[in-house]
Amino acid sequence: MYNVMIVEDSKPILRNIKMLLDALTLPIRVVATATNGEDALAALQHEPINLLLTDIRMPKMDGLSLIEQAKMANPDLKVILISGYSDFEYTRKALNLQVFDYLLKPVEQEALEEVMIRVIDQLDQQKSKNQIELQEIVDPQCYAELQKGDDFSLFAQMMVILRKQPFTPGKEQWTQQTLREAMEDYFAPQPCRVLRSQTPNQFIVFVNKGALALYSSMHECLESLRRHLVMHNMDAIIGGQLLSSSDSENLPQLYHQITSILSAQQRLKQGLALDTGNPVSMARLESGCLDSVLESAFVKMIQAHQKDPFTLKLSELLDRWAEGHVHVREVERFIGLLVDTFAHLYEEQGSGMRLGLEHRAKQLLEETTYADFCRELKEWTGQCFDMLQSHVRKSKELLFEQIDEYIKLNKYSHLSINDIALKFHVSPSYVSRVIKSVTQATFVQYYTRLRIQEACRLMEQQPDMKFKELSDLLSFSDQHYFSKVFKEYTGYSPTEYKELMPSNGYHK
């Protein structure tokens, strides 16, 4: 349904036009009437009007002045002029004010219906465009419910975006119904509409801009609104601005601009009101932010598995945040840094832990109080250190089993630590650490021992095999080097070992 206002100083003509409109089977309703331009302009400030039918000659303020001022407040308002034959010159001037069409007195049913059908077609097109734009920013379920209800115009309104402050009680208060009641109470008698946005804990509110008449500025209005919500146990950061004609043509872009400003300016400890159309006073405080040195220190402590020093330094940082006005974005960035660092260490060992870490980190920011957040953050990072340590032990044992099997299958080849690293998609240094942690030997020592053990086995099973053949088979560079290494690991030269075999069955 579209809201219509009739402005006509002749009450009989006004009643006749209203009667004709009511008789039409069209989606319109006459919600306001006035007999002069001044009363009409005042009514336009309080009632969302889609279509204005106005006479030209009226007391106090004529039709042309009314149209001009109404268009300034609402550029997309549709206007149909009612004029007499003698008012043709006025009618021509009104057409320059982008009047949709005009009707001659006395208004006839057929002419009125023809004009109304055409203007409603344009309103339908604008409504469809509005709905498409809203679909991009409104929660899908909320949008589906909106489709079922009456149309509401974005004309002559301001858009306000509210986002719940983190770590504040009263989560149950943040519902569309509760917020609507609080907003209607605050803005009454101005109409408003509350919609859930696609961003969690964030709502979009459209309010008739007549609400600003009680305040000296947009900021004063929004700050007063913020305090009103606090009284209803809802602490929020609020951003808002008037919708200009160009804004109403690109609503999603304006929404994302305001949302971006809220994200950049939201503090951890207290809500904020921002006139996003006049961001002169939005200088960003960096209190409580991490500098690059401290950031690097946290990363290095994680990489070195230094749980206790990390926990101590984290407690100091949380105390600083509690005293300052740290931005929520900085807290989110710090938690993201922890996720990235822990995830990288897990993934280096072949584990897909990132999604789990990101999910848990997101839950941290949904805690009711800052104290709860601090406690859960410390507990979570402690668990990450414990899991990392456990994962390191388990992954090293499993990887060693795979490396050991691979080396034994390739003990007749000349393997390097780089060959193994490429095979198992880890770094050479990590291969070295894994082997050292299990065998207490370096890779070279471990690999050489395996080949010498194989040489002993072959000498026992094939005593006629020449040492040169044995050296070549096990990929030693030459027989002399083979003999030297053999003695280092067994305490005997190959010849001495062979001579001892029949008498004592020596096995290395």
Protein backbone atom coordinates (compact mmCIF):
# COMPACT_ATOMS: atom_id res chain seq x y z
CA MET A 1 0.00 0.00 0.00
CA TYR A 2 1.15 3.51 -0.82
CA ASN A 3 0.45 6.51 1.41
CA VAL A 4 -1.31 9.47 -0.20
CA MET A 5 -1.76 13.05 1.04
CA ILE A 6 -4.36 15.43 -0.43
CA VAL A 7 -3.84 19.20 -0.06
CA GLU A 8 -6.78 21.35 -1.15
CA ASP A 9 -8.17 24.54 0.42
CA SER A 10 -11.72 23.79 -0.75
CA LYS A 11 -13.08 21.21 1.64
CA PRO A 12 -15.86 20.01 -0.74
CA ILE A 13 -13.26 19.42 -3.50
CA LEU A 14 -10.93 17.72 -0.97
CA ARG A 15 -13.74 15.38 0.16
CA ASN A 16 -14.64 14.61 -3.45
CA ILE A 17 -11.04 13.71 -4.38
CA LYS A 18 -10.73 11.51 -1.30
CA MET A 19 -14.00 9.76 -2.16
CA LEU A 20 -12.80 9.13 -5.74
CA LEU A 21 -9.47 7.74 -4.51
CA ASP A 22 -11.17 5.48 -1.95
CA ALA A 23 -13.38 4.10 -4.72
CA LEU A 24 -10.38 3.02 -6.81
CA THR A 25 -9.27 -0.61 -6.46
CA LEU A 26 -5.63 0.38 -6.24
CA PRO A 27 -2.98 -0.21 -3.52
CA ILE A 28 -3.32 3.29 -2.04
CA ARG A 29 -4.63 4.83 1.17
CA VAL A 30 -5.23 8.45 2.06
CA VAL A 31 -3.34 8.90 5.33
CA ALA A 32 -3.37 12.71 5.56
CA THR A 33 -5.17 15.79 4.28
CA ALA A 34 -4.52 19.52 4.63
CA THR A 35 -6.14 22.75 3.51
CA ASN A 36 -2.97 24.84 3.20
CA GLY A 37 0.70 24.35 2.35
CA GLU A 38 2.06 25.03 5.84
CA ASP A 39 -0.04 22.30 7.48
CA ALA A 40 0.81 19.94 4.64
CA LEU A 41 4.56 20.53 5.02
CA ALA A 42 4.32 19.89 8.78
CA ALA A 43 2.43 16.66 8.14
CA LEU A 44 5.04 15.52 5.63
CA GLN A 45 7.66 15.75 8.39
CA HIS A 46 5.76 13.25 10.53
CA GLU A 47 4.16 10.85 8.07
CA PRO A 48 5.90 8.79 5.34
CA ILE A 49 4.13 9.93 2.17
CA ASN A 50 4.61 8.30 -1.24
CA LEU A 51 2.26 10.47 -3.27
CA LEU A 52 1.13 14.09 -2.88
CA LEU A 53 -1.94 15.52 -4.62
CA THR A 54 -1.97 19.29 -4.17
CA ASP A 55 -3.83 22.33 -5.37
CA ILE A 56 -1.86 25.35 -6.65
CA ARG A 57 -3.69 28.34 -5.14
CA MET A 58 -3.88 27.99 -1.33
CA PRO A 59 -3.57 30.31 1.68
CA LYS A 60 -0.38 30.58 3.82
CA MET A 61 1.74 28.61 1.33
CA ASP A 62 0.79 27.97 -2.29
CA GLY A 63 1.22 24.64 -4.06
CA LEU A 64 4.45 25.57 -5.84
CA SER A 65 6.21 26.54 -2.60
CA LEU A 66 4.91 23.37 -0.95
CA ILE A 67 6.21 21.20 -3.81
CA GLU A 68 9.59 22.93 -3.80
CA GLN A 69 10.13 22.47 -0.05
CA ALA A 70 8.68 18.94 -0.01
CA LYS A 71 11.03 17.93 -2.84
CA MET A 72 13.99 19.35 -0.96
CA ALA A 73 13.14 17.08 1.97
CA ASN A 74 12.14 14.14 -0.21
CA PRO A 75 13.45 14.30 -3.80
CA ASP A 76 11.66 11.07 -4.78
CA LEU A 77 8.21 12.17 -3.62
CA LYS A 78 5.65 11.72 -6.41
CA VAL A 79 3.45 14.81 -6.93
CA ILE A 80 0.23 15.21 -8.90
CA LEU A 81 -0.90 18.80 -9.33
CA ILE A 82 -4.56 19.84 -9.18
CA SER A 83 -5.19 23.02 -11.15
CA GLY A 84 -7.82 25.03 -12.96
CA TYR A 85 -7.72 26.27 -16.57
CA SER A 86 -6.73 29.74 -15.40
CA ASP A 87 -3.68 28.32 -13.57
CA PHE A 88 -1.89 27.04 -16.67
CA GLU A 89 1.16 29.28 -16.13
CA TYR A 90 1.53 27.90 -12.58
CA THR A 91 1.15 24.39 -13.95
CA ARG A 92 3.99 24.96 -16.44
CA LYS A 93 6.29 26.13 -13.61
CA ALA A 94 5.30 23.12 -11.51
CA LEU A 95 6.37 20.79 -14.29
CA ASN A 96 9.87 22.21 -13.88
CA LEU A 97 9.72 20.92 -10.29
CA GLN A 98 9.39 17.40 -11.68
CA VAL A 99 5.69 17.06 -10.95
CA PHE A 100 4.53 13.64 -12.20
CA ASP A 101 1.37 14.96 -13.87
CA TYR A 102 -1.54 17.35 -13.33
CA LEU A 103 -5.32 17.05 -13.17
CA LEU A 104 -7.80 19.75 -14.13
CA LYS A 105 -10.66 20.77 -11.89
CA PRO A 106 -13.22 19.43 -11.52
CA VAL A 107 -11.36 16.12 -11.08
CA GLU A 108 -13.06 13.30 -12.96
CA GLN A 109 -12.94 9.63 -11.97
CA GLU A 110 -11.61 8.38 -15.30
CA ALA A 111 -8.77 10.94 -15.52
CA LEU A 112 -7.82 10.35 -11.87
CA GLU A 113 -7.70 6.59 -12.31
CA GLU A 114 -5.54 6.84 -15.44
CA VAL A 115 -2.98 9.06 -13.71
CA MET A 116 -2.98 6.95 -10.55
CA ILE A 117 -2.31 3.73 -12.47
CA ARG A 118 0.73 5.32 -14.11
CA VAL A 119 2.15 6.79 -10.90
CA ILE A 120 1.65 3.51 -9.03
CA ASP A 121 3.59 1.73 -11.75
CA GLN A 122 6.54 4.05 -11.06
CA LEU A 123 6.17 3.54 -7.31
CA ASP A 124 6.16 -0.23 -7.85
CA GLN A 125 9.41 0.03 -9.80
CA GLN A 126 10.99 2.07 -7.01
CA LYS A 127 9.70 -0.40 -4.42
CA SER A 128 11.20 -3.30 -6.34
CA LYS A 129 14.54 -1.48 -6.51
CA ASN A 130 14.41 -0.76 -2.77
CA GLN A 131 13.71 -4.40 -2.00
CA ILE A 132 16.59 -5.61 -4.17
CA GLU A 133 18.96 -3.25 -2.37
CA LEU A 134 17.65 -4.29 1.04
CA GLN A 135 18.15 -7.95 0.15
CA GLU A 136 21.90 -7.30 -0.09
CA ILE A 137 22.18 -6.05 3.51
CA VAL A 138 19.27 -7.51 5.49
CA ASP A 139 19.26 -10.90 7.22
CA PRO A 140 17.54 -13.40 4.82
CA GLN A 141 14.83 -14.42 7.29
CA CYS A 142 14.13 -10.80 8.16
CA TYR A 143 13.97 -9.96 4.46
CA ALA A 144 11.46 -12.77 3.85
CA GLU A 145 9.24 -11.36 6.59
CA LEU A 146 9.61 -7.87 5.11
CA GLN A 147 8.34 -9.11 1.76
CA LYS A 148 5.06 -10.15 3.37
CA GLY A 149 4.36 -6.81 5.02
CA ASP A 150 3.44 -3.39 3.74
CA ASP A 151 5.94 -1.42 1.75
CA PHE A 152 7.90 1.20 3.65
CA SER A 153 9.60 4.06 1.91
CA LEU A 154 13.23 4.99 2.37
CA PHE A 155 12.37 8.53 1.32
CA ALA A 156 12.93 11.45 3.69
CA GLN A 157 14.57 9.19 6.23
CA MET A 158 17.83 8.63 8.00
CA MET A 159 19.60 5.31 8.31
CA VAL A 160 20.98 4.26 11.70
CA ILE A 161 23.12 1.18 12.26
CA LEU A 162 23.47 -0.27 15.74
CA ARG A 163 26.00 -2.91 16.75
CA LYS A 164 26.07 -4.62 20.13
CA GLN A 165 29.11 -3.86 22.24
CA PRO A 166 31.21 -6.93 23.03
CA PHE A 167 31.42 -8.29 26.58
CA THR A 168 28.20 -6.63 27.71
CA PRO A 169 25.37 -8.40 29.58
CA GLY A 170 21.80 -8.49 28.37
CA LYS A 171 22.37 -10.58 25.25
CA GLU A 172 18.76 -11.72 25.43
CA GLN A 173 17.70 -8.10 24.95
CA TRP A 174 19.21 -7.95 21.50
CA THR A 175 16.24 -9.17 19.50
CA GLN A 176 14.47 -7.41 16.68
CA GLN A 177 11.27 -7.13 18.72
CA THR A 178 12.94 -5.73 21.86
CA LEU A 179 14.99 -3.24 19.87
CA ARG A 180 11.93 -2.17 17.86
CA GLU A 181 10.04 -1.40 21.07
CA ALA A 182 12.96 0.65 22.42
CA MET A 183 13.36 2.55 19.14
CA GLU A 184 9.65 3.28 18.74
CA ASP A 185 9.58 4.53 22.33
CA TYR A 186 12.53 6.82 21.66
CA PHE A 187 11.49 8.21 18.27
CA ALA A 188 7.72 8.48 18.86
CA PRO A 189 5.72 9.88 17.18
CA GLN A 190 8.10 9.52 14.22
CA PRO A 191 7.71 6.19 12.38
CA CYS A 192 10.72 3.87 12.26
CA ARG A 193 11.56 0.41 10.99
CA VAL A 194 14.07 -2.00 12.59
CA LEU A 195 15.70 -4.73 10.50
CA ARG A 196 18.30 -7.37 11.34
CA SER A 197 21.37 -7.00 9.15
CA GLN A 198 23.47 -9.79 7.68
CA THR A 199 26.21 -8.88 10.18
CA PRO A 200 25.73 -10.67 13.54
CA ASN A 201 24.61 -8.48 16.46
CA GLN A 202 23.94 -5.58 14.08
CA PHE A 203 20.65 -3.90 13.16
CA ILE A 204 19.54 -1.35 10.55
CA VAL A 205 17.01 1.28 11.54
CA PHE A 206 15.18 3.63 9.16
CA VAL A 207 13.67 6.68 10.83
CA ASN A 208 11.76 9.64 9.47
CA LYS A 209 14.20 12.52 9.55
CA GLY A 210 11.63 14.66 11.34
CA ALA A 211 13.09 13.02 14.48
CA LEU A 212 16.04 15.40 14.19
CA ALA A 213 13.83 18.43 14.83
CA LEU A 214 14.31 18.01 18.60
CA TYR A 215 18.12 18.03 18.43
CA SER A 216 20.80 20.49 17.43
CA SER A 217 22.72 17.90 15.40
CA MET A 218 22.72 14.32 14.18
CA HIS A 219 25.42 13.45 16.74
CA GLU A 220 23.30 14.78 19.63
CA CYS A 221 20.36 12.67 18.43
CA LEU A 222 22.46 9.49 18.14
CA GLU A 223 24.22 10.03 21.47
CA SER A 224 20.86 10.54 23.16
CA LEU A 225 19.67 7.32 21.48
CA ARG A 226 22.75 5.47 22.76
CA ARG A 227 22.04 6.56 26.33
CA HIS A 228 18.39 5.56 25.89
CA LEU A 229 19.44 2.05 24.86
CA VAL A 230 21.83 1.77 27.82
CA MET A 231 18.83 2.37 30.07
CA HIS A 232 17.27 -0.67 28.35
CA ASN A 233 20.43 -2.75 29.07
CA MET A 234 21.64 -2.47 25.49
CA ASP A 235 25.10 -0.95 25.05
CA ALA A 236 25.91 -0.24 21.40
CA ILE A 237 28.07 1.61 18.95
CA ILE A 238 25.78 3.65 16.69
CA GLY A 239 26.41 5.23 13.31
CA GLY A 240 23.91 7.10 11.21
CA GLN A 241 23.26 9.76 8.62
CA LEU A 242 20.51 11.26 6.51
CA LEU A 243 19.66 9.53 3.25
CA SER A 244 20.17 11.84 0.32
CA SER A 245 18.72 11.15 -3.11
CA SER A 246 22.01 9.60 -4.24
CA ASP A 247 22.21 7.47 -1.07
CA SER A 248 18.76 6.02 -1.68
CA GLU A 249 20.00 4.93 -5.10
CA ASN A 250 22.92 2.97 -3.63
CA LEU A 251 21.84 1.83 -0.20
CA PRO A 252 24.21 -1.19 0.08
CA GLN A 253 27.25 1.00 -0.54
CA LEU A 254 26.18 3.43 2.20
CA TYR A 255 25.48 0.54 4.57
CA HIS A 256 28.95 -0.93 4.03
CA GLN A 257 30.56 2.50 4.46
CA ILE A 258 28.88 3.01 7.83
CA THR A 259 29.65 -0.58 8.88
CA SER A 260 33.31 -0.07 7.99
CA ILE A 261 33.43 3.10 10.11
CA LEU A 262 31.85 1.26 13.05
CA SER A 263 34.41 -1.54 12.75
CA ALA A 264 37.28 0.95 12.71
CA GLN A 265 35.98 3.00 15.64
CA GLN A 266 34.40 0.45 18.00
CA ARG A 267 36.05 0.44 21.43
CA LEU A 268 36.23 -2.53 23.72
CA LYS A 269 34.84 -0.95 26.86
CA GLN A 270 32.14 1.58 25.92
CA GLY A 271 29.61 2.33 23.20
CA LEU A 272 29.94 5.28 20.85
CA ALA A 273 27.69 7.50 18.71
CA LEU A 274 28.99 8.64 15.30
CA ASP A 275 27.53 10.98 12.72
CA THR A 276 29.02 9.04 9.81
CA GLY A 277 27.98 11.74 7.37
CA ASN A 278 30.26 14.21 9.16
CA PRO A 279 33.30 12.22 10.38
CA VAL A 280 35.37 15.20 11.48
CA SER A 281 35.82 13.97 15.05
CA MET A 282 36.64 10.37 14.21
CA ALA A 283 40.37 10.54 14.88
CA ARG A 284 41.41 7.06 15.85
CA LEU A 285 42.92 6.37 19.24
CA GLU A 286 45.62 3.72 19.24
CA SER A 287 45.61 3.17 23.01
CA GLY A 288 46.34 -0.42 23.93
CA CYS A 289 47.46 -1.47 20.45
CA LEU A 290 50.31 -3.89 19.95
CA ASP A 291 53.54 -2.53 18.59
CA SER A 292 55.54 -4.68 16.20
CA VAL A 293 58.10 -5.62 18.86
CA LEU A 294 55.49 -6.91 21.31
CA GLU A 295 53.65 -8.66 18.49
CA SER A 296 56.84 -10.41 17.46
CA ALA A 297 57.48 -11.41 21.08
CA PHE A 298 54.15 -13.22 21.32
CA VAL A 299 54.81 -15.07 18.07
CA LYS A 300 58.30 -16.16 19.16
CA MET A 301 57.01 -17.42 22.52
CA ILE A 302 54.46 -19.60 20.72
CA GLN A 303 57.04 -20.89 18.27
CA ALA A 304 59.37 -21.74 21.16
CA HIS A 305 56.53 -23.41 23.12
CA GLN A 306 57.11 -21.00 26.05
CA LYS A 307 53.74 -21.36 27.70
CA ASP A 308 54.45 -19.71 31.08
CA PRO A 309 56.20 -16.56 29.75
CA PHE A 310 53.44 -16.21 27.16
CA THR A 311 50.70 -16.40 29.80
CA LEU A 312 52.44 -13.77 31.95
CA LYS A 313 52.86 -11.37 29.02
CA LEU A 314 49.25 -11.97 27.94
CA SER A 315 47.98 -11.06 31.43
CA GLU A 316 49.91 -7.79 31.28
CA LEU A 317 48.39 -6.96 27.89
CA LEU A 318 44.84 -7.71 29.07
CA ASP A 319 45.35 -5.41 32.06
CA ARG A 320 46.46 -2.62 29.69
CA TRP A 321 43.38 -3.15 27.55
CA ALA A 322 41.14 -2.92 30.62
CA GLU A 323 42.57 0.49 31.48
CA GLY A 324 42.63 1.99 27.98
CA HIS A 325 40.22 2.54 25.10
CA VAL A 326 41.46 -0.24 22.87
CA HIS A 327 39.58 -0.77 19.60
CA VAL A 328 37.70 -4.02 19.08
CA ARG A 329 39.47 -4.38 15.73
CA GLU A 330 42.83 -4.48 17.55
CA VAL A 331 41.57 -7.24 19.84
CA GLU A 332 40.30 -9.18 16.83
CA ARG A 333 43.61 -8.68 15.04
CA PHE A 334 45.58 -9.94 18.04
CA ILE A 335 43.42 -13.06 18.35
CA GLY A 336 43.84 -13.59 14.60
CA LEU A 337 47.60 -13.40 15.08
CA LEU A 338 47.42 -16.15 17.71
CA VAL A 339 45.25 -18.31 15.44
CA ASP A 340 47.67 -17.87 12.53
CA THR A 341 50.72 -18.70 14.64
CA PHE A 342 49.29 -21.80 16.31
CA ALA A 343 47.71 -22.99 13.05
CA HIS A 344 50.99 -22.61 11.17
CA LEU A 345 52.79 -24.80 13.71
CA TYR A 346 50.05 -27.42 13.55
CA GLU A 347 49.96 -27.38 9.76
CA GLU A 348 53.74 -27.65 9.56
CA GLN A 349 53.24 -31.08 11.05
CA GLY A 350 50.41 -32.02 8.68
CA SER A 351 47.37 -31.19 10.84
CA GLY A 352 44.24 -29.30 9.72
CA MET A 353 43.49 -27.36 12.91
CA ARG A 354 42.85 -23.87 11.53
CA LEU A 355 39.06 -24.09 11.23
CA GLY A 356 38.73 -25.32 14.80
CA LEU A 357 40.98 -22.56 16.09
CA GLU A 358 39.06 -19.87 14.17
CA HIS A 359 35.72 -21.14 15.49
CA ARG A 360 36.93 -21.10 19.10
CA ALA A 361 38.49 -17.65 18.67
CA LYS A 362 35.18 -16.28 17.38
CA GLN A 363 33.41 -17.60 20.48
CA LEU A 364 35.83 -15.65 22.68
CA LEU A 365 34.48 -12.35 21.40
CA GLU A 366 30.94 -13.41 22.29
CA GLU A 367 31.63 -13.72 26.01
CA THR A 368 29.29 -11.78 28.28
CA THR A 369 31.89 -9.80 30.24
CA TYR A 370 35.47 -8.70 29.73
CA ALA A 371 36.51 -10.79 32.75
CA ASP A 372 34.97 -13.86 31.10
CA PHE A 373 36.80 -13.01 27.89
CA CYS A 374 40.15 -12.75 29.71
CA ARG A 375 39.61 -16.03 31.54
CA GLU A 376 38.56 -17.90 28.39
CA LEU A 377 41.39 -16.40 26.33
CA LYS A 378 44.00 -17.57 28.85
CA GLU A 379 42.39 -21.01 29.07
CA TRP A 380 42.20 -21.29 25.28
CA THR A 381 45.83 -20.30 24.67
CA GLY A 382 46.88 -22.71 27.43
CA GLN A 383 45.00 -25.50 25.68
CA CYS A 384 46.63 -24.51 22.39
CA PHE A 385 50.08 -24.84 23.96
CA ASP A 386 49.16 -28.23 25.49
CA MET A 387 47.68 -29.53 22.23
CA LEU A 388 50.70 -28.26 20.33
CA GLN A 389 53.06 -30.07 22.68
CA SER A 390 50.99 -33.26 22.54
CA HIS A 391 50.64 -32.97 18.80
CA VAL A 392 54.38 -32.49 18.43
CA ARG A 393 55.04 -35.68 20.39
CA LYS A 394 52.45 -37.72 18.51
CA SER A 395 53.32 -36.36 15.10
CA LYS A 396 57.04 -36.87 15.67
CA GLU A 397 56.51 -40.49 16.67
CA LEU A 398 54.27 -41.15 13.66
CA LEU A 399 56.57 -39.32 11.27
CA PHE A 400 59.61 -41.19 12.60
CA GLU A 401 57.88 -44.51 11.97
CA GLN A 402 57.26 -43.47 8.37
CA ILE A 403 60.81 -42.13 7.92
CA ASP A 404 62.30 -45.26 9.48
CA GLU A 405 60.33 -47.50 7.15
CA TYR A 406 61.27 -45.41 4.12
CA ILE A 407 64.99 -45.40 4.97
CA LYS A 408 65.02 -49.15 5.56
CA LEU A 409 63.40 -49.71 2.17
CA ASN A 410 66.04 -47.46 0.56
CA LYS A 411 69.13 -48.39 2.56
CA TYR A 412 70.89 -49.51 -0.63
CA SER A 413 70.49 -46.00 -2.06
CA HIS A 414 72.37 -42.87 -1.15
CA LEU A 415 69.68 -40.91 0.73
CA SER A 416 70.12 -37.35 1.93
CA ILE A 417 68.10 -35.50 4.51
CA ASN A 418 66.76 -33.30 1.70
CA ASP A 419 65.43 -36.40 -0.09
CA ILE A 420 63.46 -37.35 3.02
CA ALA A 421 62.21 -33.80 3.55
CA LEU A 422 60.85 -33.72 -0.02
CA LYS A 423 59.27 -37.13 0.39
CA PHE A 424 57.33 -36.16 3.53
CA HIS A 425 56.70 -32.47 2.71
CA VAL A 426 58.48 -31.10 5.76
CA SER A 427 61.65 -29.07 6.25
CA PRO A 428 65.08 -30.77 6.51
CA SER A 429 65.54 -29.20 9.95
CA TYR A 430 62.26 -30.75 11.10
CA VAL A 431 63.40 -34.20 9.83
CA SER A 432 66.59 -33.74 11.79
CA ARG A 433 64.68 -32.80 14.98
CA VAL A 434 62.31 -35.77 14.65
CA ILE A 435 65.12 -38.30 14.22
CA LYS A 436 67.16 -36.75 17.04
CA SER A 437 64.20 -36.76 19.45
CA VAL A 438 63.54 -40.49 18.93
CA THR A 439 67.03 -41.96 18.35
CA GLN A 440 69.25 -39.40 20.14
CA ALA A 441 71.34 -39.47 16.96
CA THR A 442 71.73 -37.22 13.94
CA PHE A 443 70.30 -38.26 10.61
CA VAL A 444 73.77 -39.16 9.28
CA GLN A 445 74.54 -41.26 12.37
CA TYR A 446 71.18 -43.00 12.25
CA TYR A 447 71.29 -43.70 8.50
CA THR A 448 74.91 -44.86 8.59
CA ARG A 449 74.19 -47.23 11.50
CA LEU A 450 71.36 -48.84 9.50
CA ARG A 451 73.66 -49.42 6.53
CA ILE A 452 76.45 -50.85 8.70
CA GLN A 453 73.92 -53.17 10.35
CA GLU A 454 72.87 -54.29 6.87
CA ALA A 455 76.54 -54.83 5.94
CA CYS A 456 76.98 -57.09 8.99
CA ARG A 457 73.89 -59.08 8.04
CA LEU A 458 75.10 -59.57 4.46
CA MET A 459 78.58 -60.60 5.61
CA GLU A 460 77.05 -63.29 7.83
CA GLN A 461 74.63 -64.57 5.17
CA GLN A 462 76.99 -64.21 2.18
CA PRO A 463 80.56 -64.68 3.53
CA ASP A 464 81.96 -64.97 0.01
CA MET A 465 80.88 -61.42 -0.91
CA LYS A 466 83.86 -59.14 -1.45
CA PHE A 467 84.17 -55.95 0.54
CA LYS A 468 84.24 -53.89 -2.68
CA GLU A 469 80.92 -55.42 -3.74
CA LEU A 470 79.49 -54.76 -0.30
CA SER A 471 80.64 -51.13 -0.36
CA ASP A 472 79.14 -50.53 -3.81
CA LEU A 473 75.88 -52.26 -2.93
CA LEU A 474 75.34 -50.01 0.10
CA SER A 475 76.27 -46.87 -1.90
CA PHE A 476 79.47 -45.99 -0.05
CA SER A 477 81.78 -43.76 -2.06
CA ASP A 478 84.64 -46.26 -2.03
CA GLN A 479 85.90 -49.35 -0.21
CA HIS A 480 88.40 -47.44 1.91
CA TYR A 481 85.66 -45.12 3.25
CA PHE A 482 83.41 -48.13 3.88
CA SER A 483 86.11 -49.83 5.94
CA LYS A 484 86.73 -46.67 7.97
CA VAL A 485 83.04 -46.17 8.78
CA PHE A 486 82.56 -49.87 9.49
CA LYS A 487 85.27 -49.79 12.16
CA GLU A 488 83.84 -46.61 13.73
CA TYR A 489 80.46 -48.28 14.28
CA THR A 490 81.50 -51.90 15.09
CA GLY A 491 84.99 -51.47 16.58
CA TYR A 492 86.37 -53.85 13.98
CA SER A 493 87.55 -53.61 10.45
CA PRO A 494 85.52 -55.61 7.91
CA THR A 495 88.31 -58.23 7.82
CA GLU A 496 88.44 -58.55 11.62
CA TYR A 497 84.65 -58.79 11.83
CA LYS A 498 84.60 -61.55 9.21
CA GLU A 499 87.27 -63.51 11.07
CA LEU A 500 85.31 -63.26 14.32
CA MET A 501 82.02 -64.45 12.90
CA PRO A 502 82.51 -68.26 13.08
CA SER A 503 83.83 -68.17 16.62
CA ASN A 504 81.53 -65.76 18.50
CA GLY A 505 78.60 -64.98 16.15
CA TYR A 506 79.12 -61.25 16.71
CA HIS A 507 76.13 -59.08 15.88
CA LYS A 508 76.25 -55.35 16.04
